[in-house]
């Protein structure tokens, strides 16, 4: 198999130039969230009975898998469950009111309830922070009930354990695990841009790649790792149950009827892909076959021009080598 024209090094360069969030921007965004969290902690020290208990950076920025296109940040906010309403819209207004109290220098229009979160807008950077409420009853390990971004239902979750789950895979394959996640997320974003009906959320991508890593796949060769990912999707047709035993025994994993069964690594009865229909799964399957075929063709193409053209079927016209 020829790699004369595009190999691992060219994919690395493409990722650095077009895929990855630059380190200086990531540091800036993290610092902004840290200031928000520190101000809340100061407020909490002065108001120990305040119902907001903790803010934690979550999502791709916390995991180190953010794309260059990042324009908002996820922050989990733990709320004392005893005092908070259980109806979603009332809970979000409850959270917004308390954020305004904790940050009185923010104007009312900078703290806005959305469908399943409250958006805090920073005027200086234009950055939005999506604050997601978690109802918390004092669990020392920080389990709580999250408002799902999928459908607004309440789901048992644990943000620190989610972050540790990804860190464990990153420690096993420093740099490479998170980079392959970003490359696949970039591909998925391109598929979504081309088709409004295409769905493939980042958390599912992370968990599929985590399963492949746990099974021994080395991510150190990016063309090979990408090909393994797409081959896995094509081979299984998204009908293989994926679960992990980091935080619960296999015997506790729930029974599900959906075609796609990717189980939350901190909640054995939560299928994170439960809303994916056969049509959604088939679209992912077809897109994976196309991407895998393109990589196969790219790795054996006789000219650089043809090789680049095949890689562009995966990554779009942004790919140049």
C-alpha atoms as a PDB file:
ATOM      1  CA  UNK A   1       0.000   0.000   0.000  1.00  0.00           C
ATOM      2  CA  UNK A   2       1.581   3.260  -1.120  1.00  0.00           C
ATOM      3  CA  UNK A   3       1.771   6.289   1.130  1.00  0.00           C
ATOM      4  CA  UNK A   4       4.144   8.268  -1.006  1.00  0.00           C
ATOM      5  CA  UNK A   5       1.891  11.324  -1.367  1.00  0.00           C
ATOM      6  CA  UNK A   6      -0.098  11.576   1.866  1.00  0.00           C
ATOM      7  CA  UNK A   7       0.936   9.798   5.034  1.00  0.00           C
ATOM      8  CA  UNK A   8       0.602  10.268   8.791  1.00  0.00           C
ATOM      9  CA  UNK A   9       2.731  13.433   8.760  1.00  0.00           C
ATOM     10  CA  UNK A  10       0.478  15.150   6.220  1.00  0.00           C
ATOM     11  CA  UNK A  11      -2.616  14.331   8.299  1.00  0.00           C
ATOM     12  CA  UNK A  12      -0.828  15.789  11.350  1.00  0.00           C
ATOM     13  CA  UNK A  13      -0.134  19.025   9.469  1.00  0.00           C
ATOM     14  CA  UNK A  14      -3.722  19.234   8.246  1.00  0.00           C
ATOM     15  CA  UNK A  15      -5.015  18.714  11.792  1.00  0.00           C
ATOM     16  CA  UNK A  16      -2.779  21.432  13.193  1.00  0.00           C
ATOM     17  CA  UNK A  17      -3.695  23.917  10.471  1.00  0.00           C
ATOM     18  CA  UNK A  18      -7.412  23.291   9.963  1.00  0.00           C
ATOM     19  CA  UNK A  19      -8.889  20.944  12.601  1.00  0.00           C
ATOM     20  CA  UNK A  20      -7.512  21.654  16.062  1.00  0.00           C
ATOM     21  CA  UNK A  21      -8.429  24.548  18.322  1.00  0.00           C
ATOM     22  CA  UNK A  22      -5.127  26.464  18.706  1.00  0.00           C
ATOM     23  CA  UNK A  23      -3.580  26.115  22.143  1.00  0.00           C
ATOM     24  CA  UNK A  24      -3.601  29.852  22.785  1.00  0.00           C
ATOM     25  CA  UNK A  25      -7.344  30.013  22.096  1.00  0.00           C
ATOM     26  CA  UNK A  26      -8.012  26.957  24.247  1.00  0.00           C
ATOM     27  CA  UNK A  27      -6.016  28.526  27.084  1.00  0.00           C
ATOM     28  CA  UNK A  28      -7.935  31.793  26.689  1.00  0.00           C
ATOM     29  CA  UNK A  29     -11.296  30.032  26.792  1.00  0.00           C
ATOM     30  CA  UNK A  30     -10.327  27.905  29.796  1.00  0.00           C
ATOM     31  CA  UNK A  31      -9.099  30.995  31.643  1.00  0.00           C
ATOM     32  CA  UNK A  32     -12.413  32.729  30.978  1.00  0.00           C
ATOM     33  CA  UNK A  33     -14.374  29.793  32.380  1.00  0.00           C
ATOM     34  CA  UNK A  34     -11.998  29.566  35.344  1.00  0.00           C
ATOM     35  CA  UNK A  35     -12.675  33.213  36.159  1.00  0.00           C
ATOM     36  CA  UNK A  36     -16.393  32.499  36.063  1.00  0.00           C
ATOM     37  CA  UNK A  37     -15.970  29.502  38.347  1.00  0.00           C
ATOM     38  CA  UNK A  38     -13.669  31.338  40.757  1.00  0.00           C
ATOM     39  CA  UNK A  39     -16.148  34.180  41.078  1.00  0.00           C
ATOM     40  CA  UNK A  40     -18.889  31.675  41.874  1.00  0.00           C
ATOM     41  CA  UNK A  41     -16.657  30.009  44.487  1.00  0.00           C
ATOM     42  CA  UNK A  42     -15.993  33.388  46.095  1.00  0.00           C
ATOM     43  CA  UNK A  43     -19.730  34.041  46.179  1.00  0.00           C
ATOM     44  CA  UNK A  44     -20.349  30.586  47.670  1.00  0.00           C
ATOM     45  CA  UNK A  45     -17.830  31.217  50.438  1.00  0.00           C
ATOM     46  CA  UNK A  46     -19.825  34.323  51.374  1.00  0.00           C
ATOM     47  CA  UNK A  47     -23.229  32.667  50.882  1.00  0.00           C
ATOM     48  CA  UNK A  48     -22.869  29.025  52.026  1.00  0.00           C
ATOM     49  CA  UNK A  49     -26.625  28.376  51.700  1.00  0.00           C
ATOM     50  CA  UNK A  50     -26.704  29.448  48.057  1.00  0.00           C
ATOM     51  CA  UNK A  51     -28.291  26.725  45.902  1.00  0.00           C
ATOM     52  CA  UNK A  52     -25.552  26.699  43.227  1.00  0.00           C
ATOM     53  CA  UNK A  53     -22.887  24.362  44.597  1.00  0.00           C
ATOM     54  CA  UNK A  54     -20.240  23.891  41.903  1.00  0.00           C
ATOM     55  CA  UNK A  55     -19.348  24.784  38.312  1.00  0.00           C
ATOM     56  CA  UNK A  56     -17.245  22.416  36.222  1.00  0.00           C
ATOM     57  CA  UNK A  57     -15.897  22.844  32.724  1.00  0.00           C
ATOM     58  CA  UNK A  58     -17.329  20.037  30.592  1.00  0.00           C
ATOM     59  CA  UNK A  59     -17.569  19.061  26.935  1.00  0.00           C
ATOM     60  CA  UNK A  60     -14.844  19.094  24.307  1.00  0.00           C
ATOM     61  CA  UNK A  61     -12.776  21.906  25.815  1.00  0.00           C
ATOM     62  CA  UNK A  62     -12.483  20.032  29.111  1.00  0.00           C
ATOM     63  CA  UNK A  63     -11.645  16.785  27.310  1.00  0.00           C
ATOM     64  CA  UNK A  64      -9.076  18.348  24.960  1.00  0.00           C
ATOM     65  CA  UNK A  65     -11.043  17.334  21.861  1.00  0.00           C
ATOM     66  CA  UNK A  66     -12.315  20.758  20.749  1.00  0.00           C
ATOM     67  CA  UNK A  67     -12.279  21.740  17.083  1.00  0.00           C
ATOM     68  CA  UNK A  68     -11.045  25.026  15.659  1.00  0.00           C
ATOM     69  CA  UNK A  69     -14.686  25.889  14.955  1.00  0.00           C
ATOM     70  CA  UNK A  70     -15.568  25.918  18.680  1.00  0.00           C
ATOM     71  CA  UNK A  71     -17.826  28.876  19.448  1.00  0.00           C
ATOM     72  CA  UNK A  72     -19.404  27.892  22.749  1.00  0.00           C
ATOM     73  CA  UNK A  73     -18.305  26.113  25.884  1.00  0.00           C
ATOM     74  CA  UNK A  74     -20.184  23.658  28.086  1.00  0.00           C
ATOM     75  CA  UNK A  75     -20.144  24.176  31.831  1.00  0.00           C
ATOM     76  CA  UNK A  76     -22.022  21.956  34.275  1.00  0.00           C
ATOM     77  CA  UNK A  77     -23.611  23.718  37.222  1.00  0.00           C
ATOM     78  CA  UNK A  78     -24.578  21.612  40.244  1.00  0.00           C
ATOM     79  CA  UNK A  79     -27.741  22.886  41.926  1.00  0.00           C
ATOM     80  CA  UNK A  80     -29.026  21.831  45.325  1.00  0.00           C
ATOM     81  CA  UNK A  81     -31.853  19.509  44.347  1.00  0.00           C
ATOM     82  CA  UNK A  82     -33.934  20.126  47.466  1.00  0.00           C
ATOM     83  CA  UNK A  83     -34.733  23.723  46.511  1.00  0.00           C
ATOM     84  CA  UNK A  84     -34.732  23.580  42.709  1.00  0.00           C
ATOM     85  CA  UNK A  85     -37.837  22.978  40.563  1.00  0.00           C
ATOM     86  CA  UNK A  86     -38.047  19.698  38.645  1.00  0.00           C
ATOM     87  CA  UNK A  87     -39.766  21.105  35.564  1.00  0.00           C
ATOM     88  CA  UNK A  88     -37.132  21.993  32.959  1.00  0.00           C
ATOM     89  CA  UNK A  89     -38.214  25.507  31.934  1.00  0.00           C
ATOM     90  CA  UNK A  90     -38.732  26.508  35.580  1.00  0.00           C
ATOM     91  CA  UNK A  91     -35.357  25.009  36.506  1.00  0.00           C
ATOM     92  CA  UNK A  92     -33.596  27.003  33.788  1.00  0.00           C
ATOM     93  CA  UNK A  93     -35.206  30.250  34.918  1.00  0.00           C
ATOM     94  CA  UNK A  94     -34.255  29.331  38.502  1.00  0.00           C
ATOM     95  CA  UNK A  95     -30.643  28.818  37.386  1.00  0.00           C
ATOM     96  CA  UNK A  96     -30.590  32.057  35.374  1.00  0.00           C
ATOM     97  CA  UNK A  97     -31.847  34.082  38.345  1.00  0.00           C
ATOM     98  CA  UNK A  98     -29.130  32.672  40.587  1.00  0.00           C
ATOM     99  CA  UNK A  99     -26.393  33.227  38.021  1.00  0.00           C
ATOM    100  CA  UNK A 100     -27.480  36.864  37.810  1.00  0.00           C
ATOM    101  CA  UNK A 101     -27.219  37.098  41.619  1.00  0.00           C
ATOM    102  CA  UNK A 102     -23.794  35.477  41.643  1.00  0.00           C
ATOM    103  CA  UNK A 103     -22.535  37.710  38.808  1.00  0.00           C
ATOM    104  CA  UNK A 104     -24.246  41.065  39.343  1.00  0.00           C
ATOM    105  CA  UNK A 105     -21.996  42.858  36.843  1.00  0.00           C
ATOM    106  CA  UNK A 106     -23.543  40.809  34.017  1.00  0.00           C
ATOM    107  CA  UNK A 107     -26.512  42.507  32.368  1.00  0.00           C
ATOM    108  CA  UNK A 108     -29.790  40.591  32.100  1.00  0.00           C
ATOM    109  CA  UNK A 109     -29.323  39.972  28.373  1.00  0.00           C
ATOM    110  CA  UNK A 110     -25.983  38.262  29.012  1.00  0.00           C
ATOM    111  CA  UNK A 111     -27.688  35.472  31.003  1.00  0.00           C
ATOM    112  CA  UNK A 112     -30.428  33.851  28.931  1.00  0.00           C
ATOM    113  CA  UNK A 113     -32.312  30.586  29.456  1.00  0.00           C
ATOM    114  CA  UNK A 114     -32.319  28.388  26.351  1.00  0.00           C
ATOM    115  CA  UNK A 115     -34.128  25.104  25.676  1.00  0.00           C
ATOM    116  CA  UNK A 116     -31.978  22.915  27.943  1.00  0.00           C
ATOM    117  CA  UNK A 117     -29.306  25.273  29.289  1.00  0.00           C
ATOM    118  CA  UNK A 118     -28.596  28.878  30.244  1.00  0.00           C
ATOM    119  CA  UNK A 119     -26.261  30.819  27.968  1.00  0.00           C
ATOM    120  CA  UNK A 120     -23.828  33.278  29.545  1.00  0.00           C
ATOM    121  CA  UNK A 121     -22.407  35.617  26.885  1.00  0.00           C
ATOM    122  CA  UNK A 122     -19.068  37.361  27.263  1.00  0.00           C
ATOM    123  CA  UNK A 123     -19.028  40.676  25.451  1.00  0.00           C
ATOM    124  CA  UNK A 124     -15.266  40.972  25.196  1.00  0.00           C
ATOM    125  CA  UNK A 125     -14.612  37.752  23.295  1.00  0.00           C
ATOM    126  CA  UNK A 126     -18.081  37.073  21.900  1.00  0.00           C
ATOM    127  CA  UNK A 127     -17.819  33.656  23.515  1.00  0.00           C
ATOM    128  CA  UNK A 128     -20.927  31.880  24.784  1.00  0.00           C
ATOM    129  CA  UNK A 129     -20.832  29.581  27.800  1.00  0.00           C
ATOM    130  CA  UNK A 130     -23.697  27.084  27.923  1.00  0.00           C
ATOM    131  CA  UNK A 131     -24.416  26.375  31.576  1.00  0.00           C
ATOM    132  CA  UNK A 132     -26.176  23.022  31.954  1.00  0.00           C
ATOM    133  CA  UNK A 133     -27.977  22.390  35.252  1.00  0.00           C
ATOM    134  CA  UNK A 134     -27.411  19.247  37.275  1.00  0.00           C
ATOM    135  CA  UNK A 135     -29.723  18.596  40.209  1.00  0.00           C
ATOM    136  CA  UNK A 136     -27.491  17.613  43.113  1.00  0.00           C
ATOM    137  CA  UNK A 137     -28.418  16.004  46.424  1.00  0.00           C
ATOM    138  CA  UNK A 138     -25.020  16.056  48.080  1.00  0.00           C
ATOM    139  CA  UNK A 139     -23.456  12.894  46.630  1.00  0.00           C
ATOM    140  CA  UNK A 140     -19.744  13.013  47.580  1.00  0.00           C
ATOM    141  CA  UNK A 141     -18.713  11.554  44.199  1.00  0.00           C
ATOM    142  CA  UNK A 142     -20.699  14.289  42.385  1.00  0.00           C
ATOM    143  CA  UNK A 143     -23.407  12.175  40.822  1.00  0.00           C
ATOM    144  CA  UNK A 144     -26.472  14.212  39.923  1.00  0.00           C
ATOM    145  CA  UNK A 145     -29.365  14.487  37.470  1.00  0.00           C
ATOM    146  CA  UNK A 146     -28.482  16.249  34.240  1.00  0.00           C
ATOM    147  CA  UNK A 147     -30.943  17.922  31.899  1.00  0.00           C
ATOM    148  CA  UNK A 148     -30.296  15.999  28.673  1.00  0.00           C
ATOM    149  CA  UNK A 149     -29.405  18.142  25.659  1.00  0.00           C
ATOM    150  CA  UNK A 150     -31.138  15.527  23.482  1.00  0.00           C
ATOM    151  CA  UNK A 151     -34.678  15.725  24.802  1.00  0.00           C
ATOM    152  CA  UNK A 152     -34.754  17.551  28.127  1.00  0.00           C
ATOM    153  CA  UNK A 153     -35.155  14.413  30.224  1.00  0.00           C
ATOM    154  CA  UNK A 154     -33.270  14.031  33.512  1.00  0.00           C
ATOM    155  CA  UNK A 155     -30.341  11.613  33.414  1.00  0.00           C
ATOM    156  CA  UNK A 156     -28.054  10.416  36.183  1.00  0.00           C
ATOM    157  CA  UNK A 157     -24.561  11.629  35.373  1.00  0.00           C
ATOM    158  CA  UNK A 158     -21.165  12.407  36.839  1.00  0.00           C
ATOM    159  CA  UNK A 159     -19.027  15.061  35.154  1.00  0.00           C
ATOM    160  CA  UNK A 160     -15.756  14.288  37.014  1.00  0.00           C
ATOM    161  CA  UNK A 161     -16.049  10.587  36.110  1.00  0.00           C
ATOM    162  CA  UNK A 162     -16.826  11.418  32.463  1.00  0.00           C
ATOM    163  CA  UNK A 163     -13.711  13.558  32.275  1.00  0.00           C
ATOM    164  CA  UNK A 164     -11.585  10.884  33.970  1.00  0.00           C
ATOM    165  CA  UNK A 165     -12.923   8.289  31.517  1.00  0.00           C
ATOM    166  CA  UNK A 166     -11.474  10.268  28.593  1.00  0.00           C
ATOM    167  CA  UNK A 167      -8.279  11.164  30.457  1.00  0.00           C
ATOM    168  CA  UNK A 168      -7.623   7.457  31.034  1.00  0.00           C
ATOM    169  CA  UNK A 169      -7.686   6.806  27.257  1.00  0.00           C
ATOM    170  CA  UNK A 170      -5.546   9.879  26.642  1.00  0.00           C
ATOM    171  CA  UNK A 171      -2.971   8.693  29.180  1.00  0.00           C
ATOM    172  CA  UNK A 172      -2.801   5.347  27.380  1.00  0.00           C
ATOM    173  CA  UNK A 173      -2.197   7.063  24.028  1.00  0.00           C
ATOM    174  CA  UNK A 174      -0.939  10.591  24.727  1.00  0.00           C
ATOM    175  CA  UNK A 175      -1.749  13.085  21.950  1.00  0.00           C
ATOM    176  CA  UNK A 176      -2.948  10.430  19.510  1.00  0.00           C
ATOM    177  CA  UNK A 177      -6.272   9.513  21.110  1.00  0.00           C
ATOM    178  CA  UNK A 178      -7.571  13.070  21.291  1.00  0.00           C
ATOM    179  CA  UNK A 179      -6.243  13.866  17.823  1.00  0.00           C
ATOM    180  CA  UNK A 180      -8.070  10.991  16.167  1.00  0.00           C
ATOM    181  CA  UNK A 181     -11.234  12.036  18.023  1.00  0.00           C
ATOM    182  CA  UNK A 182     -10.863  15.532  16.577  1.00  0.00           C
ATOM    183  CA  UNK A 183     -10.287  14.218  13.062  1.00  0.00           C
ATOM    184  CA  UNK A 184     -13.419  12.064  13.189  1.00  0.00           C
ATOM    185  CA  UNK A 185     -15.432  14.941  14.676  1.00  0.00           C
ATOM    186  CA  UNK A 186     -14.218  17.161  11.816  1.00  0.00           C
ATOM    187  CA  UNK A 187     -15.422  14.549   9.311  1.00  0.00           C
ATOM    188  CA  UNK A 188     -18.787  14.307  11.099  1.00  0.00           C
ATOM    189  CA  UNK A 189     -19.163  18.087  11.114  1.00  0.00           C
ATOM    190  CA  UNK A 190     -18.604  18.095   7.370  1.00  0.00           C
ATOM    191  CA  UNK A 191     -21.290  15.433   6.932  1.00  0.00           C
ATOM    192  CA  UNK A 192     -23.712  17.503   9.034  1.00  0.00           C
ATOM    193  CA  UNK A 193     -22.975  20.644   7.028  1.00  0.00           C
ATOM    194  CA  UNK A 194     -23.823  18.784   3.818  1.00  0.00           C
ATOM    195  CA  UNK A 195     -26.995  17.171   5.162  1.00  0.00           C
ATOM    196  CA  UNK A 196     -29.189  18.709   7.880  1.00  0.00           C
ATOM    197  CA  UNK A 197     -30.592  15.263   8.686  1.00  0.00           C
ATOM    198  CA  UNK A 198     -27.199  13.673   9.370  1.00  0.00           C
ATOM    199  CA  UNK A 199     -26.663  13.052  13.096  1.00  0.00           C
ATOM    200  CA  UNK A 200     -23.575  11.740  14.845  1.00  0.00           C
ATOM    201  CA  UNK A 201     -22.912  13.401  18.165  1.00  0.00           C
ATOM    202  CA  UNK A 202     -19.417  13.842  19.500  1.00  0.00           C
ATOM    203  CA  UNK A 203     -20.002  11.780  22.640  1.00  0.00           C
ATOM    204  CA  UNK A 204     -20.873   8.732  20.522  1.00  0.00           C
ATOM    205  CA  UNK A 205     -17.719   9.220  18.453  1.00  0.00           C
ATOM    206  CA  UNK A 206     -15.620   9.422  21.621  1.00  0.00           C
ATOM    207  CA  UNK A 207     -17.128   6.231  23.005  1.00  0.00           C
ATOM    208  CA  UNK A 208     -16.705   4.231  19.795  1.00  0.00           C
ATOM    209  CA  UNK A 209     -13.062   5.288  19.588  1.00  0.00           C
ATOM    210  CA  UNK A 210     -12.643   4.498  23.290  1.00  0.00           C
ATOM    211  CA  UNK A 211     -13.884   0.962  22.655  1.00  0.00           C
ATOM    212  CA  UNK A 212     -11.457   0.517  19.753  1.00  0.00           C
ATOM    213  CA  UNK A 213      -8.604   1.846  21.897  1.00  0.00           C
ATOM    214  CA  UNK A 214      -9.549  -0.495  24.749  1.00  0.00           C
ATOM    215  CA  UNK A 215      -9.480  -3.388  22.295  1.00  0.00           C
ATOM    216  CA  UNK A 216      -5.851  -2.587  21.503  1.00  0.00           C
ATOM    217  CA  UNK A 217      -6.018  -0.349  18.438  1.00  0.00           C
ATOM    218  CA  UNK A 218      -3.028   1.979  18.266  1.00  0.00           C
ATOM    219  CA  UNK A 219      -3.950   5.488  17.151  1.00  0.00           C
ATOM    220  CA  UNK A 220      -0.351   6.449  16.359  1.00  0.00           C
ATOM    221  CA  UNK A 221      -0.867   6.075  12.590  1.00  0.00           C
ATOM    222  CA  UNK A 222      -3.728   8.422  11.678  1.00  0.00           C
ATOM    223  CA  UNK A 223      -4.683   7.019   8.268  1.00  0.00           C
ATOM    224  CA  UNK A 224      -4.782   3.512   9.756  1.00  0.00           C
ATOM    225  CA  UNK A 225      -6.726   4.624  12.857  1.00  0.00           C
ATOM    226  CA  UNK A 226      -9.288   6.440  10.716  1.00  0.00           C
ATOM    227  CA  UNK A 227      -9.642   3.441   8.441  1.00  0.00           C
ATOM    228  CA  UNK A 228     -10.218   1.174  11.462  1.00  0.00           C
ATOM    229  CA  UNK A 229     -12.930   3.519  12.750  1.00  0.00           C
ATOM    230  CA  UNK A 230     -14.823   3.572   9.452  1.00  0.00           C
ATOM    231  CA  UNK A 231     -14.342  -0.173   8.979  1.00  0.00           C
ATOM    232  CA  UNK A 232     -15.794  -0.796  12.436  1.00  0.00           C
ATOM    233  CA  UNK A 233     -18.916   1.221  11.570  1.00  0.00           C
ATOM    234  CA  UNK A 234     -19.302  -0.598   8.263  1.00  0.00           C
ATOM    235  CA  UNK A 235     -18.662  -4.043   9.754  1.00  0.00           C
ATOM    236  CA  UNK A 236     -21.052  -3.692  12.688  1.00  0.00           C
ATOM    237  CA  UNK A 237     -23.709  -1.577  10.960  1.00  0.00           C
ATOM    238  CA  UNK A 238     -23.982   0.109  14.383  1.00  0.00           C
ATOM    239  CA  UNK A 239     -25.638  -3.005  15.819  1.00  0.00           C
ATOM    240  CA  UNK A 240     -22.944  -3.937  18.348  1.00  0.00           C
ATOM    241  CA  UNK A 241     -23.596  -2.904  21.938  1.00  0.00           C
ATOM    242  CA  UNK A 242     -20.798  -0.752  23.326  1.00  0.00           C
ATOM    243  CA  UNK A 243     -20.314  -0.452  27.066  1.00  0.00           C
ATOM    244  CA  UNK A 244     -17.495  -0.003  29.570  1.00  0.00           C
ATOM    245  CA  UNK A 245     -16.746  -1.337  33.025  1.00  0.00           C
ATOM    246  CA  UNK A 246     -14.759   1.600  34.405  1.00  0.00           C
ATOM    247  CA  UNK A 247     -17.548   2.590  36.777  1.00  0.00           C
ATOM    248  CA  UNK A 248     -19.961  -0.360  36.937  1.00  0.00           C
ATOM    249  CA  UNK A 249     -19.945  -4.130  36.331  1.00  0.00           C
ATOM    250  CA  UNK A 250     -21.053  -5.556  32.994  1.00  0.00           C
ATOM    251  CA  UNK A 251     -23.927  -7.298  34.763  1.00  0.00           C
ATOM    252  CA  UNK A 252     -25.573  -3.936  35.494  1.00  0.00           C
ATOM    253  CA  UNK A 253     -25.775  -2.842  31.842  1.00  0.00           C
ATOM    254  CA  UNK A 254     -29.389  -2.374  30.842  1.00  0.00           C
ATOM    255  CA  UNK A 255     -31.334  -4.157  28.103  1.00  0.00           C
ATOM    256  CA  UNK A 256     -32.255  -1.942  25.180  1.00  0.00           C
ATOM    257  CA  UNK A 257     -34.343  -2.337  22.044  1.00  0.00           C
ATOM    258  CA  UNK A 258     -32.730   0.317  19.858  1.00  0.00           C
ATOM    259  CA  UNK A 259     -30.480  -0.548  16.920  1.00  0.00           C
ATOM    260  CA  UNK A 260     -27.685   1.717  18.188  1.00  0.00           C
ATOM    261  CA  UNK A 261     -26.659   0.887  21.750  1.00  0.00           C
ATOM    262  CA  UNK A 262     -23.777   2.963  23.089  1.00  0.00           C
ATOM    263  CA  UNK A 263     -23.967   2.998  26.867  1.00  0.00           C
ATOM    264  CA  UNK A 264     -22.969   5.890  29.086  1.00  0.00           C
ATOM    265  CA  UNK A 265     -19.743   4.957  30.934  1.00  0.00           C
ATOM    266  CA  UNK A 266     -21.082   6.405  34.204  1.00  0.00           C
ATOM    267  CA  UNK A 267     -24.718   5.254  33.925  1.00  0.00           C
ATOM    268  CA  UNK A 268     -25.321   1.641  32.922  1.00  0.00           C
ATOM    269  CA  UNK A 269     -28.992   2.204  32.082  1.00  0.00           C
ATOM    270  CA  UNK A 270     -28.493   5.210  29.800  1.00  0.00           C
ATOM    271  CA  UNK A 271     -28.174   4.466  26.094  1.00  0.00           C
ATOM    272  CA  UNK A 272     -26.652   7.725  24.845  1.00  0.00           C
ATOM    273  CA  UNK A 273     -27.776   6.843  21.303  1.00  0.00           C
ATOM    274  CA  UNK A 274     -31.365   6.018  22.253  1.00  0.00           C
ATOM    275  CA  UNK A 275     -32.858   8.671  19.951  1.00  0.00           C
ATOM    276  CA  UNK A 276     -31.031   7.464  16.840  1.00  0.00           C
ATOM    277  CA  UNK A 277     -33.463   5.930  14.354  1.00  0.00           C
ATOM    278  CA  UNK A 278     -32.692   3.268  11.767  1.00  0.00           C
ATOM    279  CA  UNK A 279     -32.509   6.082   9.209  1.00  0.00           C
ATOM    280  CA  UNK A 280     -29.946   7.962  11.334  1.00  0.00           C
ATOM    281  CA  UNK A 281     -27.870   4.804  11.799  1.00  0.00           C
ATOM    282  CA  UNK A 282     -28.048   3.891   8.108  1.00  0.00           C
ATOM    283  CA  UNK A 283     -26.848   7.370   7.155  1.00  0.00           C
ATOM    284  CA  UNK A 284     -23.802   6.956   9.415  1.00  0.00           C
ATOM    285  CA  UNK A 285     -23.176   3.483   7.981  1.00  0.00           C
ATOM    286  CA  UNK A 286     -23.318   4.752   4.368  1.00  0.00           C
ATOM    287  CA  UNK A 287     -21.104   7.747   5.141  1.00  0.00           C
ATOM    288  CA  UNK A 288     -18.572   5.457   6.861  1.00  0.00           C
ATOM    289  CA  UNK A 289     -18.430   3.163   3.833  1.00  0.00           C
ATOM    290  CA  UNK A 290     -17.829   6.157   1.561  1.00  0.00           C
ATOM    291  CA  UNK A 291     -15.093   7.507   3.829  1.00  0.00           C
ATOM    292  CA  UNK A 292     -13.412   4.116   4.201  1.00  0.00           C
ATOM    293  CA  UNK A 293     -13.458   3.565   0.431  1.00  0.00           C
ATOM    294  CA  UNK A 294     -11.954   7.024  -0.102  1.00  0.00           C
ATOM    295  CA  UNK A 295      -9.105   6.327   2.327  1.00  0.00           C
ATOM    296  CA  UNK A 296      -8.426   2.962   0.666  1.00  0.00           C
ATOM    297  CA  UNK A 297      -8.269   4.689  -2.708  1.00  0.00           C
ATOM    298  CA  UNK A 298      -6.088   7.503  -1.356  1.00  0.00           C
ATOM    299  CA  UNK A 299      -3.543   5.086   0.090  1.00  0.00           C
ATOM    300  CA  UNK A 300      -3.065   3.380  -3.278  1.00  0.00           C
ATOM    301  CA  UNK A 301      -3.481   6.327  -5.651  1.00  0.00           C
ATOM    302  CA  UNK A 302      -0.615   6.713  -8.153  1.00  0.00           C
ATOM    303  CA  UNK A 303      -0.376  10.526  -8.134  1.00  0.00           C
ATOM    304  CA  UNK A 304      -0.421  13.213  -5.463  1.00  0.00           C
ATOM    305  CA  UNK A 305      -3.297  15.020  -7.149  1.00  0.00           C
ATOM    306  CA  UNK A 306      -5.434  11.903  -7.091  1.00  0.00           C
ATOM    307  CA  UNK A 307      -4.432  11.110  -3.503  1.00  0.00           C
ATOM    308  CA  UNK A 308      -5.441  14.575  -2.314  1.00  0.00           C
ATOM    309  CA  UNK A 309      -8.718  14.313  -4.198  1.00  0.00           C
ATOM    310  CA  UNK A 310      -9.605  11.115  -2.334  1.00  0.00           C
ATOM    311  CA  UNK A 311      -8.691  12.593   1.058  1.00  0.00           C
ATOM    312  CA  UNK A 312     -10.914  15.553   0.207  1.00  0.00           C
ATOM    313  CA  UNK A 313     -13.820  13.111   0.004  1.00  0.00           C
ATOM    314  CA  UNK A 314     -13.209  12.585   3.735  1.00  0.00           C
ATOM    315  CA  UNK A 315     -12.196  16.046   4.905  1.00  0.00           C
ATOM    316  CA  UNK A 316     -13.509  18.362   2.198  1.00  0.00           C
ATOM    317  CA  UNK A 317     -11.687  20.946   0.131  1.00  0.00           C
ATOM    318  CA  UNK A 318      -9.929  22.235   3.269  1.00  0.00           C
ATOM    319  CA  UNK A 319      -7.562  19.273   2.937  1.00  0.00           C
ATOM    320  CA  UNK A 320      -4.420  20.173   1.035  1.00  0.00           C
ATOM    321  CA  UNK A 321      -1.064  18.455   1.103  1.00  0.00           C
END
